[in-house]
């Protein structure tokens, strides 16, 4: 669980090459918290199925870990980051210029067509 969550979060942040060390640390901790939260959720479900009340300490631990995970998740951001394409140009003009150089047939400017 930890490893799968960690890898998914690294991809969410733009991939291995785009992630900073602090982001990597946050992703690892979010993954560890997720593994613990899933474990607690399983325990809560077993207790509820057996018609038992979970101990208050377990609910408090769950709430505390959830809050910590949420805080760390906000640090890395909710929006997915695009993976940078190091071998591709960053804007349309650069892309067209590159294509023109390699294929010799792309028109870069509408004025050149006249």
N, C-alpha and C. Protein backbone atom coordinates (compact mmCIF):
# COMPACT_ATOMS: atom_id res chain seq x y z
N UNK A 1 0.82 -1.19 0.00
CA UNK A 1 0.00 0.00 0.00
C UNK A 1 0.87 1.26 0.00
N UNK A 2 1.87 1.31 0.87
CA UNK A 2 2.72 2.49 0.96
C UNK A 2 3.42 2.75 -0.37
N UNK A 3 4.00 1.72 -0.94
CA UNK A 3 4.76 1.87 -2.18
C UNK A 3 3.86 2.31 -3.34
N UNK A 4 2.68 1.72 -3.44
CA UNK A 4 1.76 2.08 -4.53
C UNK A 4 1.29 3.52 -4.39
N UNK A 5 0.98 3.93 -3.17
CA UNK A 5 0.55 5.31 -2.93
C UNK A 5 1.69 6.27 -3.24
N UNK A 6 2.89 5.92 -2.79
CA UNK A 6 4.06 6.76 -3.04
C UNK A 6 4.29 6.96 -4.54
N UNK A 7 4.27 5.86 -5.30
CA UNK A 7 4.50 5.96 -6.74
C UNK A 7 3.41 6.80 -7.42
N UNK A 8 2.16 6.61 -7.00
CA UNK A 8 1.06 7.39 -7.59
C UNK A 8 1.23 8.87 -7.29
N UNK A 9 1.66 9.20 -6.09
CA UNK A 9 1.86 10.61 -5.73
C UNK A 9 3.04 11.23 -6.47
N UNK A 10 4.09 10.45 -6.67
CA UNK A 10 5.23 10.96 -7.45
C UNK A 10 4.77 11.29 -8.87
N UNK A 11 3.97 10.42 -9.46
CA UNK A 11 3.43 10.69 -10.80
C UNK A 11 2.51 11.92 -10.77
N UNK A 12 1.72 12.05 -9.72
CA UNK A 12 0.83 13.19 -9.55
C UNK A 12 1.62 14.50 -9.56
N UNK A 13 2.82 14.46 -8.99
CA UNK A 13 3.66 15.66 -8.89
C UNK A 13 4.50 15.91 -10.14
N UNK A 14 4.36 15.08 -11.16
CA UNK A 14 5.07 15.31 -12.41
C UNK A 14 6.13 14.28 -12.75
N UNK A 15 6.29 13.26 -11.92
CA UNK A 15 7.25 12.20 -12.21
C UNK A 15 8.56 12.38 -11.48
N UNK A 16 9.38 11.34 -11.53
CA UNK A 16 10.65 11.31 -10.79
C UNK A 16 11.55 12.50 -11.07
N UNK A 17 11.62 12.92 -12.32
CA UNK A 17 12.53 14.01 -12.68
C UNK A 17 12.04 15.38 -12.23
N UNK A 18 10.75 15.52 -11.96
CA UNK A 18 10.20 16.82 -11.61
C UNK A 18 10.02 17.03 -10.11
N UNK A 19 10.12 15.96 -9.33
CA UNK A 19 9.82 16.03 -7.90
C UNK A 19 11.03 16.53 -7.11
N UNK A 20 10.78 17.48 -6.24
CA UNK A 20 11.84 17.97 -5.36
C UNK A 20 11.99 17.02 -4.18
N UNK A 21 13.10 17.12 -3.47
CA UNK A 21 13.31 16.27 -2.30
C UNK A 21 12.23 16.48 -1.24
N UNK A 22 11.85 17.73 -0.92
CA UNK A 22 10.76 17.89 0.05
C UNK A 22 9.44 17.27 -0.42
N UNK A 23 9.14 17.35 -1.70
CA UNK A 23 7.93 16.71 -2.22
C UNK A 23 8.03 15.19 -2.09
N UNK A 24 9.20 14.67 -2.36
CA UNK A 24 9.42 13.22 -2.24
C UNK A 24 9.20 12.76 -0.79
N UNK A 25 9.69 13.52 0.16
CA UNK A 25 9.50 13.21 1.58
C UNK A 25 8.01 13.25 1.93
N UNK A 26 7.32 14.29 1.47
CA UNK A 26 5.88 14.41 1.73
C UNK A 26 5.13 13.24 1.11
N UNK A 27 5.49 12.84 -0.10
CA UNK A 27 4.83 11.70 -0.76
C UNK A 27 5.04 10.41 0.03
N UNK A 28 6.26 10.21 0.53
CA UNK A 28 6.53 9.01 1.33
C UNK A 28 5.70 9.01 2.61
N UNK A 29 5.62 10.15 3.26
CA UNK A 29 4.85 10.23 4.51
C UNK A 29 3.36 10.08 4.25
N UNK A 30 2.87 10.65 3.18
CA UNK A 30 1.45 10.47 2.83
C UNK A 30 1.17 9.00 2.58
N UNK A 31 2.09 8.31 1.91
CA UNK A 31 1.93 6.87 1.67
C UNK A 31 1.92 6.07 2.95
N UNK A 32 2.80 6.42 3.88
CA UNK A 32 2.84 5.72 5.17
C UNK A 32 1.56 5.97 5.95
N UNK A 33 1.10 7.20 5.94
CA UNK A 33 -0.16 7.50 6.63
C UNK A 33 -1.33 6.76 6.00
N UNK A 34 -1.33 6.67 4.67
CA UNK A 34 -2.40 5.94 3.98
C UNK A 34 -2.42 4.47 4.40
N UNK A 35 -1.25 3.86 4.49
CA UNK A 35 -1.17 2.45 4.91
C UNK A 35 -1.74 2.30 6.33
N UNK A 36 -1.39 3.20 7.22
CA UNK A 36 -1.91 3.12 8.59
C UNK A 36 -3.41 3.37 8.63
N UNK A 37 -3.88 4.33 7.84
CA UNK A 37 -5.31 4.62 7.82
C UNK A 37 -6.12 3.45 7.29
N UNK A 38 -5.62 2.78 6.28
CA UNK A 38 -6.32 1.60 5.75
C UNK A 38 -6.37 0.51 6.82
N UNK A 39 -5.28 0.34 7.53
CA UNK A 39 -5.25 -0.65 8.62
C UNK A 39 -6.30 -0.31 9.69
N UNK A 40 -6.37 0.94 10.07
CA UNK A 40 -7.36 1.36 11.07
C UNK A 40 -8.77 1.19 10.53
N UNK A 41 -8.99 1.53 9.26
CA UNK A 41 -10.31 1.36 8.66
C UNK A 41 -10.75 -0.10 8.69
N UNK A 42 -9.82 -1.00 8.39
CA UNK A 42 -10.14 -2.43 8.46
C UNK A 42 -10.53 -2.83 9.88
N UNK A 43 -9.77 -2.33 10.84
CA UNK A 43 -10.07 -2.65 12.24
C UNK A 43 -11.44 -2.09 12.65
N UNK A 44 -11.73 -0.87 12.24
CA UNK A 44 -13.05 -0.27 12.53
C UNK A 44 -14.17 -1.09 11.91
N UNK A 45 -13.96 -1.52 10.67
CA UNK A 45 -14.98 -2.32 9.99
C UNK A 45 -15.22 -3.64 10.71
N UNK A 46 -14.14 -4.31 11.15
CA UNK A 46 -14.30 -5.58 11.88
C UNK A 46 -15.06 -5.36 13.19
N UNK A 47 -14.73 -4.29 13.89
CA UNK A 47 -15.43 -3.99 15.15
C UNK A 47 -16.91 -3.72 14.88
N UNK A 48 -17.21 -2.96 13.87
CA UNK A 48 -18.61 -2.62 13.56
C UNK A 48 -19.39 -3.87 13.12
N UNK A 49 -18.73 -4.74 12.34
CA UNK A 49 -19.41 -5.97 11.91
C UNK A 49 -19.76 -6.85 13.11
N UNK A 50 -18.92 -6.82 14.12
CA UNK A 50 -19.20 -7.62 15.32
C UNK A 50 -20.05 -6.85 16.33
N UNK A 51 -20.60 -5.73 15.87
CA UNK A 51 -21.51 -4.89 16.66
C UNK A 51 -20.84 -4.34 17.92
N UNK A 52 -19.55 -4.06 17.81
CA UNK A 52 -18.81 -3.47 18.92
C UNK A 52 -18.49 -2.01 18.61
N UNK A 53 -18.39 -1.23 19.66
CA UNK A 53 -17.99 0.17 19.53
C UNK A 53 -16.47 0.24 19.47
N UNK A 54 -15.93 0.99 18.53
CA UNK A 54 -14.47 1.13 18.52
C UNK A 54 -14.03 2.00 19.71
N UNK A 55 -12.86 1.73 20.23
CA UNK A 55 -12.38 2.55 21.34
C UNK A 55 -12.16 3.99 20.89
N UNK A 56 -12.40 4.91 21.77
CA UNK A 56 -12.24 6.34 21.47
C UNK A 56 -10.82 6.65 21.02
N UNK A 57 -9.86 5.97 21.59
CA UNK A 57 -8.46 6.20 21.22
C UNK A 57 -8.20 5.85 19.75
N UNK A 58 -8.87 4.81 19.25
CA UNK A 58 -8.71 4.42 17.85
C UNK A 58 -9.31 5.49 16.94
N UNK A 59 -10.47 5.99 17.32
CA UNK A 59 -11.10 7.05 16.52
C UNK A 59 -10.27 8.33 16.55
N UNK A 60 -9.68 8.63 17.69
CA UNK A 60 -8.82 9.82 17.79
C UNK A 60 -7.56 9.65 16.95
N UNK A 61 -6.99 8.46 16.98
CA UNK A 61 -5.81 8.20 16.14
C UNK A 61 -6.15 8.35 14.66
N UNK A 62 -7.30 7.81 14.29
CA UNK A 62 -7.74 7.90 12.89
C UNK A 62 -7.91 9.36 12.48
N UNK A 63 -8.56 10.15 13.31
CA UNK A 63 -8.78 11.57 13.01
C UNK A 63 -7.46 12.33 12.92
N UNK A 64 -6.56 12.03 13.82
CA UNK A 64 -5.26 12.71 13.83
C UNK A 64 -4.44 12.38 12.58
N UNK A 65 -4.40 11.10 12.22
CA UNK A 65 -3.65 10.69 11.04
C UNK A 65 -4.28 11.25 9.76
N UNK A 66 -5.59 11.29 9.72
CA UNK A 66 -6.29 11.85 8.56
C UNK A 66 -5.97 13.33 8.40
N UNK A 67 -5.97 14.07 9.50
CA UNK A 67 -5.65 15.49 9.46
C UNK A 67 -4.21 15.72 8.98
N UNK A 68 -3.30 14.90 9.47
CA UNK A 68 -1.90 15.02 9.06
C UNK A 68 -1.74 14.69 7.57
N UNK A 69 -2.42 13.67 7.12
CA UNK A 69 -2.36 13.30 5.71
C UNK A 69 -2.93 14.42 4.83
N UNK A 70 -4.02 15.02 5.26
CA UNK A 70 -4.63 16.12 4.52
C UNK A 70 -3.68 17.30 4.44
N UNK A 71 -3.02 17.64 5.54
CA UNK A 71 -2.08 18.76 5.55
C UNK A 71 -0.93 18.51 4.57
N UNK A 72 -0.37 17.31 4.60
CA UNK A 72 0.73 16.98 3.68
C UNK A 72 0.24 16.97 2.23
N UNK A 73 -0.95 16.48 2.00
CA UNK A 73 -1.51 16.45 0.65
C UNK A 73 -1.67 17.86 0.10
N UNK A 74 -2.08 18.77 0.93
CA UNK A 74 -2.20 20.17 0.49
C UNK A 74 -0.84 20.75 0.13
N UNK A 75 0.19 20.30 0.83
CA UNK A 75 1.55 20.78 0.55
C UNK A 75 1.99 20.41 -0.86
N UNK A 76 1.67 19.21 -1.31
CA UNK A 76 2.08 18.82 -2.66
C UNK A 76 1.08 19.27 -3.71
N UNK A 77 -0.12 19.64 -3.29
CA UNK A 77 -1.11 20.19 -4.21
C UNK A 77 -2.14 19.18 -4.66
N UNK A 78 -3.34 19.67 -4.88
CA UNK A 78 -4.44 18.81 -5.33
C UNK A 78 -4.41 18.65 -6.84
N UNK A 79 -3.92 19.68 -7.55
CA UNK A 79 -3.90 19.62 -9.01
C UNK A 79 -2.74 18.76 -9.49
N UNK A 80 -3.02 17.93 -10.44
CA UNK A 80 -1.98 17.07 -11.02
C UNK A 80 -1.00 17.94 -11.81
N UNK A 81 0.27 17.65 -11.69
CA UNK A 81 1.31 18.38 -12.41
C UNK A 81 1.68 17.61 -13.67
N UNK A 82 1.78 18.33 -14.76
CA UNK A 82 2.16 17.68 -16.01
C UNK A 82 3.61 17.23 -15.95
N UNK A 83 3.86 16.08 -16.49
CA UNK A 83 5.22 15.58 -16.54
C UNK A 83 5.97 16.36 -17.62
N UNK A 84 7.12 16.95 -17.29
CA UNK A 84 7.84 17.71 -18.30
C UNK A 84 8.40 16.80 -19.40
N UNK A 85 8.31 17.27 -20.60
CA UNK A 85 8.85 16.53 -21.74
C UNK A 85 10.14 17.25 -22.15
N UNK A 86 11.25 16.75 -21.66
CA UNK A 86 12.54 17.41 -21.85
C UNK A 86 12.98 17.48 -23.30
N UNK A 87 12.54 16.56 -24.12
CA UNK A 87 12.99 16.55 -25.51
C UNK A 87 12.04 17.28 -26.44
N UNK A 88 10.95 17.83 -25.91
CA UNK A 88 9.98 18.53 -26.74
C UNK A 88 10.03 20.03 -26.46
N UNK A 89 9.80 20.87 -27.48
CA UNK A 89 9.76 22.31 -27.27
C UNK A 89 8.60 22.69 -26.36
N UNK A 90 8.73 23.82 -25.70
CA UNK A 90 7.72 24.24 -24.73
C UNK A 90 6.61 25.10 -25.32
N UNK A 91 6.77 25.66 -26.53
CA UNK A 91 5.71 26.48 -27.11
C UNK A 91 5.47 26.09 -28.58
N UNK A 92 4.38 26.57 -29.13
CA UNK A 92 3.98 26.19 -30.48
C UNK A 92 4.99 26.64 -31.53
N UNK A 93 5.49 27.87 -31.41
CA UNK A 93 6.44 28.37 -32.40
C UNK A 93 7.70 27.51 -32.43
N UNK A 94 8.21 27.15 -31.26
CA UNK A 94 9.40 26.28 -31.19
C UNK A 94 9.11 24.92 -31.80
N UNK A 95 7.92 24.40 -31.53
CA UNK A 95 7.53 23.11 -32.09
C UNK A 95 7.50 23.16 -33.62
N UNK A 96 6.86 24.21 -34.15
CA UNK A 96 6.78 24.34 -35.61
C UNK A 96 8.15 24.54 -36.23
N UNK A 97 9.02 25.31 -35.57
CA UNK A 97 10.37 25.52 -36.08
C UNK A 97 11.14 24.21 -36.10
N UNK A 98 10.97 23.42 -35.06
CA UNK A 98 11.65 22.13 -34.98
C UNK A 98 11.15 21.19 -36.08
N UNK A 99 9.82 21.17 -36.26
CA UNK A 99 9.24 20.33 -37.32
C UNK A 99 9.73 20.78 -38.70
N UNK A 100 9.81 22.09 -38.90
CA UNK A 100 10.26 22.63 -40.18
C UNK A 100 11.70 22.21 -40.46
N UNK A 101 12.52 22.28 -39.43
CA UNK A 101 13.92 21.91 -39.60
C UNK A 101 14.07 20.43 -39.95
N UNK A 102 13.21 19.61 -39.37
CA UNK A 102 13.35 18.17 -39.61
C UNK A 102 12.61 17.72 -40.87
N UNK A 103 11.54 18.43 -41.27
CA UNK A 103 10.75 18.00 -42.42
C UNK A 103 10.83 18.97 -43.60
N UNK A 104 11.21 20.21 -43.34
CA UNK A 104 11.36 21.19 -44.42
C UNK A 104 10.07 21.62 -45.08
N UNK A 105 8.90 21.30 -44.51
CA UNK A 105 7.65 21.64 -45.20
C UNK A 105 6.64 22.39 -44.35
N UNK A 106 6.96 22.72 -43.14
CA UNK A 106 6.00 23.40 -42.27
C UNK A 106 6.13 24.91 -42.44
N UNK A 107 5.02 25.62 -42.63
CA UNK A 107 5.02 27.06 -42.75
C UNK A 107 4.94 27.63 -41.33
N UNK A 108 5.91 28.50 -40.96
CA UNK A 108 5.97 29.04 -39.61
C UNK A 108 5.09 30.26 -39.42
N UNK A 109 4.92 31.04 -40.45
CA UNK A 109 4.20 32.28 -40.32
C UNK A 109 3.21 32.39 -41.47
N UNK A 110 2.04 32.92 -41.24
CA UNK A 110 1.06 33.03 -42.32
C UNK A 110 1.57 33.97 -43.40
N UNK A 111 2.47 34.94 -43.07
CA UNK A 111 3.01 35.87 -44.05
C UNK A 111 3.93 35.16 -45.03
N UNK A 112 4.60 34.10 -44.58
CA UNK A 112 5.49 33.35 -45.45
C UNK A 112 4.73 32.61 -46.56
N UNK A 113 3.45 32.40 -46.36
CA UNK A 113 2.64 31.68 -47.35
C UNK A 113 2.33 32.53 -48.55
N UNK A 114 2.42 33.88 -48.45
CA UNK A 114 2.08 34.77 -49.56
C UNK A 114 3.08 34.76 -50.67
